[in-house]
Each structure stands twice: as structure tokens, then as C-alpha cells.
């Protein structure tokens, strides 16, 4: 290849001019293979190679094998996604028309070199599973951390459990069935709104959500009784915001719902709940951190007070013993010892979740690790 020799020269009127110095040998090289090498280098070192925000129509106009406006955009977006140049992609389309260039987006996400950390698509009218295919989920499994997709009808939610680094999910216009368990482990924020056919929440959970801080299932056609496990500190130790508004949840509210150690905001408005209406003052004996509670739009019994419901709540079981060795104080008293395996003590919560302290790991060093309740590791 070649590199231009540039220098700045001050001329008589005080202006600064840029002068390019060329030798005859450089001109010969530029007119042969040198410029092709320069184009390849420019593609690799493109200045804005990490983030892109555009319209879907703009994506469609550039989703060709080669960008027409080569000087303005050395690589078209599809190529930049598939070759790993983009780490963040935001696209917005007109919600009244089909999403342009959906096939190009799907093919680029299937590349083994993709390294998107954030994918945000607004106006995807069609099936989400057409874009997030099993092949693309494999490619995104070790890089995608944020997924935000909205549209009139996204179709069924694909299985996202293979996205090991996923921390935040926002879905608008998706269809059920809805599997809450696939969002366990590392999920920090899950927001679903204006969705259809989510059905009933599971009566019990076999998984732990150790990192979940915000859960919103607003206007998702949830039905059935409202479970109380969202207030279980051993399952949801960091849950701060819970929004289940504008659904069809029925039955009485269990006071245990408000016992979460981190819960500060709960929205139960516009459902079909009955019995005593919860208030912030009534749940102070079990939660002093709650400062935002919405309950309007339900079938409450005005003659009953929720204070009696809280007073009748069974106290949580006390740990059989307080964890002691190896940094166990970080367990916060939520676990009790249940035995050991291979010389390592194990601690179990009332939910059945088990953890153990491991002195070392492939890349973590000493750390706490979730393990199966049957002591199989």
C-alpha cells in the first residue's frame, strides 16, 4: 500500500493550506493496487465503528453488497454487523408498513463474527423469530447484553435462554406463551408491555433471579391469581420495581408479596384483585423501603384493612444456622446449611435454591456459585 505525505503551509493572507506531496513512484502505486489496499484499511478502521442509529428505510437503502455512497459510508450496515464492526445497532421503521430489509438483518445476525452488545429495533411488524432465528441466537449468545424490540405484532417470543450475557430485555407487542424462567440467572431488567396471551404466571418457581432489579409485565393479558413469590428474598433478592398493571389478575393479595428486601415500587393497578386494599402504611411492619404503591382500578373491599392481613402473615422461617466460614456473611441470613459435597458446605433457601463457596474457578477465583438442590453440582 501507500501513505500520503501531508503538510500544512501558511500562505500570505494567514490561511493554512494542506499540501499533499506525491512522488512519481507513489502515483504509480496509487493507480495500481495501492488504492484497493487503502479501501480495505478504511473499511477496517472506519471512524464510527461501534454504534449506529438509523431508520429501517436507511438500512434497506444501504443493505447491498456494496454501499452506493462509498465515500460517505465505506461499509453498508449489513456488512458492518456481520463482520463485527458494530457493537450497537438501533433501527426505527414506520409502524404502518412492513419492516424493510428484514432478511438482510437476519442474515447479518447469523454471522459467526457478529459482536453486537445492544440491538434495538422499533417498528418490527412481523415475526420476531424470523429475525432472531436459532442460528442468530447462537451467534449472539456470547455478546448480546441488551435487546429492545417493539412493533404492532412481534409474534411469539423465541427462547432467549441461550443468550448468556443478556442483562436487559424490552419487548412491546409480543405474543405469548410467556416463560418467566428463561429470564433467570443474569437478567437485570425485564420490561414487556402491550403484549398478548401471556396467560397465567407459574404457581411456583424452581429458579432464582439473583440479579433482577426491575420486572414489568404491563398490559400483557396476564390472568389467574397473583403469586407472592416476588416478595421472596431468596428468589428475588435485588428486585426493586414490580409492575403488573393493566392485566386480569384475580384473587386476594398475599402480604408476603411486600416482604421483598429490596422492593421499593409496586404497581398492581387496573386488575381484578379483591379483598383488603394494600397501602404503604399497612406494610411498614414488613417493608420500610416501599415508597411507591399503585392499587387503583381493582375490586377492593373498602370495609377491610390490609393491616390485619399483614398481622396474620406467618413469619419467615429462621435459618437453621448462620453461615460462617469463607465469606458466608454475604448471604444475609437468607440461607441455612443443608450439608456438604466434596468437602464444600452447601447452603439452601426456603425456595430450594442452593449455593456453595468455591475457592477457585476457571476465570472467577473464589466465588459463590449456584448449584442444583439435589447436590449434583
Protein backbone atom coordinates (compact mmCIF):
# COMPACT_ATOMS: atom_id res chain seq x y z
CA UNK A 1 0.00 0.00 0.00
CA UNK A 2 0.97 3.60 0.42
CA UNK A 3 0.52 6.54 2.74
CA UNK A 4 0.07 10.16 1.60
CA UNK A 5 2.60 12.70 2.84
CA UNK A 6 0.69 15.76 4.08
CA UNK A 7 1.93 19.05 5.44
CA UNK A 8 0.32 22.35 6.48
CA UNK A 9 1.54 25.57 4.90
CA UNK A 10 0.69 29.13 6.00
CA UNK A 11 0.17 31.38 2.98
CA UNK A 12 0.50 35.20 2.76
CA UNK A 13 -3.05 36.07 3.89
CA UNK A 14 -2.72 33.97 7.05
CA UNK A 15 -4.74 30.98 5.85
CA UNK A 16 -3.49 27.46 6.49
CA UNK A 17 -3.40 25.20 3.44
CA UNK A 18 -2.91 21.45 3.36
CA UNK A 19 -0.44 20.27 0.74
CA UNK A 20 -0.13 16.67 -0.43
CA UNK A 21 3.31 15.67 -1.64
CA UNK A 22 3.44 12.88 -4.21
CA UNK A 23 6.37 11.14 -5.78
CA UNK A 24 6.15 9.54 -9.19
CA UNK A 25 6.52 6.06 -7.63
CA UNK A 26 3.63 6.78 -5.24
CA UNK A 27 1.37 7.85 -8.08
CA UNK A 28 2.14 4.61 -9.93
CA UNK A 29 1.30 2.60 -6.81
CA UNK A 30 -1.93 4.50 -6.13
CA UNK A 31 -3.15 3.87 -9.66
CA UNK A 32 -2.43 0.14 -9.40
CA UNK A 33 -3.10 -1.91 -6.25
CA UNK A 34 -2.43 0.73 -3.63
CA UNK A 35 -5.88 2.31 -3.58
CA UNK A 36 -7.55 -1.11 -3.19
CA UNK A 37 -5.43 -1.70 -0.09
CA UNK A 38 -6.40 1.73 1.20
CA UNK A 39 -10.10 0.94 0.74
CA UNK A 40 -9.73 -2.27 2.76
CA UNK A 41 -7.90 -0.41 5.53
CA UNK A 42 -10.57 2.31 5.55
CA UNK A 43 -13.29 -0.31 6.00
CA UNK A 44 -11.49 -1.84 8.97
CA UNK A 45 -10.64 1.46 10.65
CA UNK A 46 -13.89 3.25 9.91
CA UNK A 47 -14.20 6.09 12.42
CA UNK A 48 -17.70 5.26 13.78
CA UNK A 49 -17.29 1.53 14.11
CA UNK A 50 -19.16 0.81 17.33
CA UNK A 51 -22.62 2.40 17.26
CA UNK A 52 -25.24 3.15 14.63
CA UNK A 53 -28.66 4.72 14.87
CA UNK A 54 -30.73 4.86 11.70
CA UNK A 55 -34.12 4.32 10.17
CA UNK A 56 -35.09 0.95 8.74
CA UNK A 57 -35.54 2.61 5.35
CA UNK A 58 -31.94 3.81 5.57
CA UNK A 59 -30.85 0.28 6.43
CA UNK A 60 -32.68 -1.04 3.35
CA UNK A 61 -31.09 1.51 1.03
CA UNK A 62 -27.60 0.51 2.20
CA UNK A 63 -28.12 -3.22 2.67
CA UNK A 64 -26.46 -4.12 -0.62
CA UNK A 65 -23.21 -5.95 -1.28
CA UNK A 66 -21.51 -2.59 -1.68
CA UNK A 67 -22.65 0.82 -0.45
CA UNK A 68 -23.54 3.16 -3.33
CA UNK A 69 -22.39 6.17 -1.29
CA UNK A 70 -18.96 4.68 -0.75
CA UNK A 71 -17.27 7.89 0.35
CA UNK A 72 -19.93 8.59 2.98
CA UNK A 73 -20.19 5.03 4.33
CA UNK A 74 -17.38 2.62 3.45
CA UNK A 75 -19.33 -0.42 4.61
CA UNK A 76 -23.06 -0.94 4.43
CA UNK A 77 -24.73 -1.73 7.75
CA UNK A 78 -25.37 -5.39 7.00
CA UNK A 79 -21.69 -5.94 6.30
CA UNK A 80 -20.65 -3.99 9.38
CA UNK A 81 -22.89 -6.13 11.59
CA UNK A 82 -21.81 -9.43 10.06
CA UNK A 83 -18.10 -8.58 10.23
CA UNK A 84 -18.24 -7.48 13.87
CA UNK A 85 -17.61 -3.75 13.33
CA UNK A 86 -20.83 -2.68 15.07
CA UNK A 87 -21.40 -3.30 18.77
CA UNK A 88 -24.64 -1.29 19.00
CA UNK A 89 -27.44 -1.06 16.43
CA UNK A 90 -30.66 0.97 16.68
CA UNK A 91 -33.23 0.91 13.88
CA UNK A 92 -36.65 2.53 13.68
CA UNK A 93 -39.29 1.97 11.00
CA UNK A 94 -42.77 3.24 10.23
CA UNK A 95 -45.10 1.03 12.27
CA UNK A 96 -47.71 1.04 9.48
CA UNK A 97 -45.50 -0.72 6.93
CA UNK A 98 -43.53 -3.98 6.89
CA UNK A 99 -40.03 -3.69 8.29
CA UNK A 100 -37.63 -3.07 5.36
CA UNK A 101 -34.57 -5.27 4.78
CA UNK A 102 -35.64 -7.81 7.40
CA UNK A 103 -33.88 -10.60 5.51
CA UNK A 104 -30.61 -8.66 5.35
CA UNK A 105 -30.79 -8.06 9.10
CA UNK A 106 -31.46 -11.75 9.74
CA UNK A 107 -28.53 -12.87 7.59
CA UNK A 108 -26.13 -10.41 9.21
CA UNK A 109 -27.09 -11.60 12.72
CA UNK A 110 -26.30 -15.20 11.75
CA UNK A 111 -22.65 -14.38 11.08
CA UNK A 112 -20.18 -16.11 13.43
CA UNK A 113 -18.27 -12.81 13.66
CA UNK A 114 -21.16 -10.68 14.96
CA UNK A 115 -20.39 -8.93 18.26
CA UNK A 116 -23.45 -6.75 18.94
CA UNK A 117 -23.86 -5.85 22.58
CA UNK A 118 -27.06 -3.83 22.05
CA UNK A 119 -29.81 -4.43 19.49
CA UNK A 120 -32.77 -2.03 19.42
CA UNK A 121 -35.47 -2.34 16.75
CA UNK A 122 -38.67 -0.28 16.74
CA UNK A 123 -41.42 -0.96 14.20
CA UNK A 124 -40.65 -4.61 13.52
CA UNK A 125 -44.05 -5.65 12.16
CA UNK A 126 -43.77 -9.35 11.58
CA UNK A 127 -42.44 -12.27 13.48
CA UNK A 128 -39.59 -11.70 15.91
CA UNK A 129 -38.49 -15.29 15.41
CA UNK A 130 -37.85 -14.55 11.72
CA UNK A 131 -35.05 -12.17 12.76
CA UNK A 132 -33.94 -13.94 15.93
CA UNK A 133 -33.55 -17.40 14.40
CA UNK A 134 -31.85 -20.29 16.22
CA UNK A 135 -28.74 -19.57 14.14
CA UNK A 136 -28.63 -15.88 15.08
CA UNK A 137 -29.21 -16.71 18.76
CA UNK A 138 -26.12 -18.92 18.63
CA UNK A 139 -24.09 -16.09 17.11
CA UNK A 140 -25.36 -13.58 19.70
CA UNK A 141 -25.10 -15.94 22.68
CA UNK A 142 -21.75 -14.63 23.91
CA UNK A 143 -22.10 -10.92 23.13
CA UNK A 144 -25.67 -9.54 23.29
CA UNK A 145 -26.38 -7.71 26.56
CA UNK A 146 -29.40 -5.54 25.67
CA UNK A 147 -32.39 -6.43 23.46
CA UNK A 148 -35.19 -3.96 22.78
CA UNK A 149 -37.81 -4.77 20.13
CA UNK A 150 -41.17 -3.09 19.54
CA UNK A 151 -43.94 -3.35 16.98
CA UNK A 152 -47.63 -3.99 16.43
CA UNK A 153 -47.25 -7.77 16.36
CA UNK A 154 -43.85 -9.32 17.06
CA UNK A 155 -45.22 -12.84 17.16
CA UNK A 156 -44.23 -15.44 19.78
CA UNK A 157 -41.22 -14.79 22.00
CA UNK A 158 -38.35 -17.08 20.98
CA UNK A 159 -36.33 -18.95 23.57
CA UNK A 160 -33.72 -16.43 24.72
CA UNK A 161 -32.13 -18.62 27.39
CA UNK A 162 -29.06 -19.22 25.19
CA UNK A 163 -28.10 -15.50 25.38
CA UNK A 164 -25.76 -15.91 28.33
CA UNK A 165 -24.78 -12.23 28.61
CA UNK A 166 -28.27 -10.79 28.26
CA UNK A 167 -28.92 -8.21 31.01
CA UNK A 168 -31.86 -6.13 29.77
CA UNK A 169 -34.89 -7.07 27.63
CA UNK A 170 -37.66 -4.73 26.47
CA UNK A 171 -40.49 -6.17 24.34
CA UNK A 172 -43.56 -4.33 23.05
CA UNK A 173 -46.24 -6.10 21.01
CA UNK A 174 -45.09 -9.68 21.56
CA UNK A 175 -47.35 -12.72 21.89
CA UNK A 176 -47.34 -15.48 24.47
CA UNK A 177 -46.90 -18.01 25.82
CA UNK A 178 -44.57 -16.31 28.25
CA UNK A 179 -41.87 -18.29 30.08
CA UNK A 180 -40.54 -16.27 33.00
CA UNK A 181 -38.00 -18.96 33.88
CA UNK A 182 -35.91 -18.37 30.74
CA UNK A 183 -35.01 -14.93 32.10
CA UNK A 184 -33.42 -16.20 35.32
CA UNK A 185 -29.71 -16.10 36.17
CA UNK A 186 -28.16 -12.82 34.91
CA UNK A 187 -31.21 -10.75 33.86
CA UNK A 188 -31.32 -7.29 35.48
CA UNK A 189 -34.29 -5.64 33.76
CA UNK A 190 -37.26 -7.26 32.00
CA UNK A 191 -39.94 -4.98 30.54
CA UNK A 192 -42.88 -6.31 28.49
CA UNK A 193 -45.78 -4.05 27.52
CA UNK A 194 -48.80 -4.18 25.21
CA UNK A 195 -48.33 -7.91 24.71
CA UNK A 196 -50.93 -10.61 24.20
CA UNK A 197 -51.68 -14.04 25.55
CA UNK A 198 -49.16 -14.20 28.39
CA UNK A 199 -51.65 -16.29 30.40
CA UNK A 200 -51.02 -17.35 33.97
CA UNK A 201 -47.88 -16.81 35.96
CA UNK A 202 -46.44 -20.08 37.34
CA UNK A 203 -47.72 -21.05 40.77
CA UNK A 204 -44.21 -21.76 41.94
CA UNK A 205 -40.72 -21.03 40.67
CA UNK A 206 -37.88 -23.51 40.56
CA UNK A 207 -35.30 -20.92 39.57
CA UNK A 208 -33.63 -17.99 41.29
CA UNK A 209 -33.37 -14.47 39.85
CA UNK A 210 -30.29 -13.18 41.69
CA UNK A 211 -29.69 -10.09 39.52
CA UNK A 212 -33.23 -8.99 38.55
CA UNK A 213 -33.92 -5.42 39.68
CA UNK A 214 -36.91 -4.39 37.55
CA UNK A 215 -39.79 -6.53 36.29
CA UNK A 216 -42.59 -5.00 34.21
CA UNK A 217 -45.41 -7.06 32.68
CA UNK A 218 -47.80 -4.25 31.83
CA UNK A 219 -50.91 -4.86 29.69
CA UNK A 220 -49.84 -8.38 28.78
CA UNK A 221 -53.16 -10.22 29.31
CA UNK A 222 -51.93 -11.90 32.47
CA UNK A 223 -54.68 -13.82 34.25
CA UNK A 224 -55.19 -16.01 37.31
CA UNK A 225 -54.13 -15.40 40.88
CA UNK A 226 -51.33 -13.05 41.85
CA UNK A 227 -48.38 -15.11 43.20
CA UNK A 228 -46.50 -13.87 46.24
CA UNK A 229 -43.03 -15.22 45.36
CA UNK A 230 -41.93 -11.83 44.01
CA UNK A 231 -41.53 -10.90 47.68
CA UNK A 232 -39.32 -13.91 48.43
CA UNK A 233 -35.85 -12.54 49.13
CA UNK A 234 -34.20 -15.87 48.38
CA UNK A 235 -35.63 -15.87 44.85
CA UNK A 236 -35.62 -12.12 44.10
CA UNK A 237 -33.00 -10.62 46.44
CA UNK A 238 -32.47 -7.44 44.34
CA UNK A 239 -35.95 -6.81 42.89
CA UNK A 240 -36.74 -3.11 43.35
CA UNK A 241 -39.58 -2.39 40.88
CA UNK A 242 -42.54 -4.65 40.11
CA UNK A 243 -45.21 -3.56 37.60
CA UNK A 244 -48.10 -5.94 36.88
CA UNK A 245 -50.64 -3.27 35.96
CA UNK A 246 -53.41 -3.39 33.34
CA UNK A 247 -53.90 -7.15 33.34
CA UNK A 248 -56.62 -9.54 34.54
CA UNK A 249 -55.08 -10.82 37.77
CA UNK A 250 -57.64 -12.02 40.30
CA UNK A 251 -57.90 -13.19 43.89
CA UNK A 252 -56.60 -11.82 47.17
CA UNK A 253 -53.21 -10.17 47.69
CA UNK A 254 -50.85 -12.11 49.94
CA UNK A 255 -48.96 -9.86 52.33
CA UNK A 256 -45.84 -11.90 51.61
CA UNK A 257 -45.68 -10.09 48.24
CA UNK A 258 -44.43 -6.98 50.05
CA UNK A 259 -41.72 -8.71 52.07
CA UNK A 260 -39.02 -8.40 49.40
CA UNK A 261 -35.82 -6.98 50.94
CA UNK A 262 -35.30 -4.53 48.06
CA UNK A 263 -38.84 -3.76 46.87
CA UNK A 264 -39.46 -0.01 46.70
CA UNK A 265 -42.07 0.29 43.91
CA UNK A 266 -45.10 -1.92 43.14
CA UNK A 267 -47.88 -1.26 40.61
CA UNK A 268 -50.94 -3.53 40.81
CA UNK A 269 -53.41 -1.09 39.28
CA UNK A 270 -56.14 -1.97 36.77
CA UNK A 271 -56.57 -5.65 37.58
CA UNK A 272 -59.42 -7.62 39.16
CA UNK A 273 -57.93 -8.08 42.63
CA UNK A 274 -60.23 -8.18 45.65
CA UNK A 275 -60.14 -8.20 49.42
CA UNK A 276 -58.35 -5.60 51.54
CA UNK A 277 -56.52 -2.87 49.64
CA UNK A 278 -52.79 -2.67 50.43
CA UNK A 279 -51.32 0.68 51.41
CA UNK A 280 -47.79 1.82 52.10
CA UNK A 281 -48.62 2.46 55.75
CA UNK A 282 -50.12 -1.01 56.20
CA UNK A 283 -47.00 -2.86 55.02
CA UNK A 284 -44.47 -0.85 57.07
CA UNK A 285 -44.08 -3.73 59.58
CA UNK A 286 -42.68 -5.96 56.81
CA UNK A 287 -41.21 -3.41 54.36
CA UNK A 288 -39.88 0.01 55.30
CA UNK A 289 -38.40 0.65 51.84
CA UNK A 290 -41.64 0.70 49.85
CA UNK A 291 -42.32 4.28 48.73
CA UNK A 292 -44.43 3.82 45.59
CA UNK A 293 -47.58 1.67 45.55
CA UNK A 294 -50.37 1.88 42.96
CA UNK A 295 -53.53 -0.17 43.54
CA UNK A 296 -56.38 1.77 41.84
CA UNK A 297 -58.72 0.09 39.40
CA UNK A 298 -59.36 -3.12 41.38
CA UNK A 299 -62.39 -4.57 43.19
CA UNK A 300 -61.22 -3.85 46.74
CA UNK A 301 -63.39 -4.40 49.81
CA UNK A 302 -63.47 -0.99 51.49
CA UNK A 303 -64.60 -2.47 54.82
CA UNK A 304 -61.38 -4.42 55.33
CA UNK A 305 -57.95 -3.14 56.29
CA UNK A 306 -54.73 -4.62 54.99
CA UNK A 307 -53.13 -4.20 58.41
CA UNK A 308 -54.97 -7.34 59.56
CA UNK A 309 -53.62 -9.27 56.58
CA UNK A 310 -50.07 -8.21 57.45
CA UNK A 311 -50.56 -9.09 61.12
CA UNK A 312 -51.72 -12.59 60.19
CA UNK A 313 -48.71 -13.21 57.96
CA UNK A 314 -46.62 -16.16 59.07
CA UNK A 315 -43.07 -15.06 59.96
CA UNK A 316 -40.39 -16.33 57.58
CA UNK A 317 -38.56 -19.45 58.76
CA UNK A 318 -35.37 -18.74 60.67
CA UNK A 319 -32.15 -20.18 59.25
CA UNK A 320 -31.16 -23.48 60.80
CA UNK A 321 -27.72 -21.99 61.31
CA UNK A 322 -26.00 -18.79 60.24
CA UNK A 323 -23.40 -19.25 57.54
CA UNK A 324 -19.95 -18.71 58.97
CA UNK A 325 -16.82 -19.64 57.03
CA UNK A 326 -15.44 -18.39 53.73
CA UNK A 327 -17.24 -15.06 53.38
CA UNK A 328 -20.64 -16.54 54.24
CA UNK A 329 -21.74 -13.33 55.92
CA UNK A 330 -22.65 -12.05 52.46
CA UNK A 331 -25.60 -14.43 52.41
CA UNK A 332 -27.51 -12.03 54.62
CA UNK A 333 -29.16 -14.77 56.69
CA UNK A 334 -31.32 -15.92 53.78
CA UNK A 335 -29.73 -19.36 53.63
CA UNK A 336 -29.12 -22.19 56.06
CA UNK A 337 -26.64 -25.02 55.83
CA UNK A 338 -28.02 -28.17 54.21
CA UNK A 339 -24.97 -30.41 54.08
CA UNK A 340 -21.83 -30.62 52.02
CA UNK A 341 -20.47 -32.16 48.84
CA UNK A 342 -16.80 -32.93 48.16
CA UNK A 343 -15.88 -31.18 51.38
CA UNK A 344 -17.67 -27.94 50.46
CA UNK A 345 -20.54 -26.81 52.72
CA UNK A 346 -23.78 -26.02 50.90
CA UNK A 347 -26.47 -23.55 51.92
CA UNK A 348 -30.12 -23.72 50.99
CA UNK A 349 -33.00 -21.24 51.00
CA UNK A 350 -36.64 -22.00 51.70
CA UNK A 351 -37.24 -21.94 47.95
CA UNK A 352 -34.88 -24.86 47.44
CA UNK A 353 -32.14 -22.77 45.84
CA UNK A 354 -28.67 -23.93 46.83
CA UNK A 355 -25.30 -22.23 46.71
CA UNK A 356 -21.76 -23.14 47.68
CA UNK A 357 -18.50 -21.24 48.07
CA UNK A 358 -15.81 -22.31 45.64
CA UNK A 359 -12.21 -21.40 46.34
CA UNK A 360 -11.31 -21.12 42.66
CA UNK A 361 -12.74 -21.34 39.19
CA UNK A 362 -11.62 -21.18 35.55
CA UNK A 363 -11.76 -17.38 35.49
CA UNK A 364 -13.57 -16.22 38.63
CA UNK A 365 -11.29 -17.12 41.50
CA UNK A 366 -13.05 -17.53 44.87
CA UNK A 367 -16.77 -17.03 44.34
CA UNK A 368 -20.29 -18.07 45.30
CA UNK A 369 -21.91 -20.42 42.78
CA UNK A 370 -25.48 -21.58 42.30
CA UNK A 371 -25.83 -25.35 42.37
CA UNK A 372 -28.72 -27.76 41.98
CA UNK A 373 -30.79 -28.57 45.03
CA UNK A 374 -30.16 -32.30 44.56
CA UNK A 375 -26.44 -31.78 45.34
CA UNK A 376 -25.31 -32.83 41.87
CA UNK A 377 -23.30 -29.64 41.35
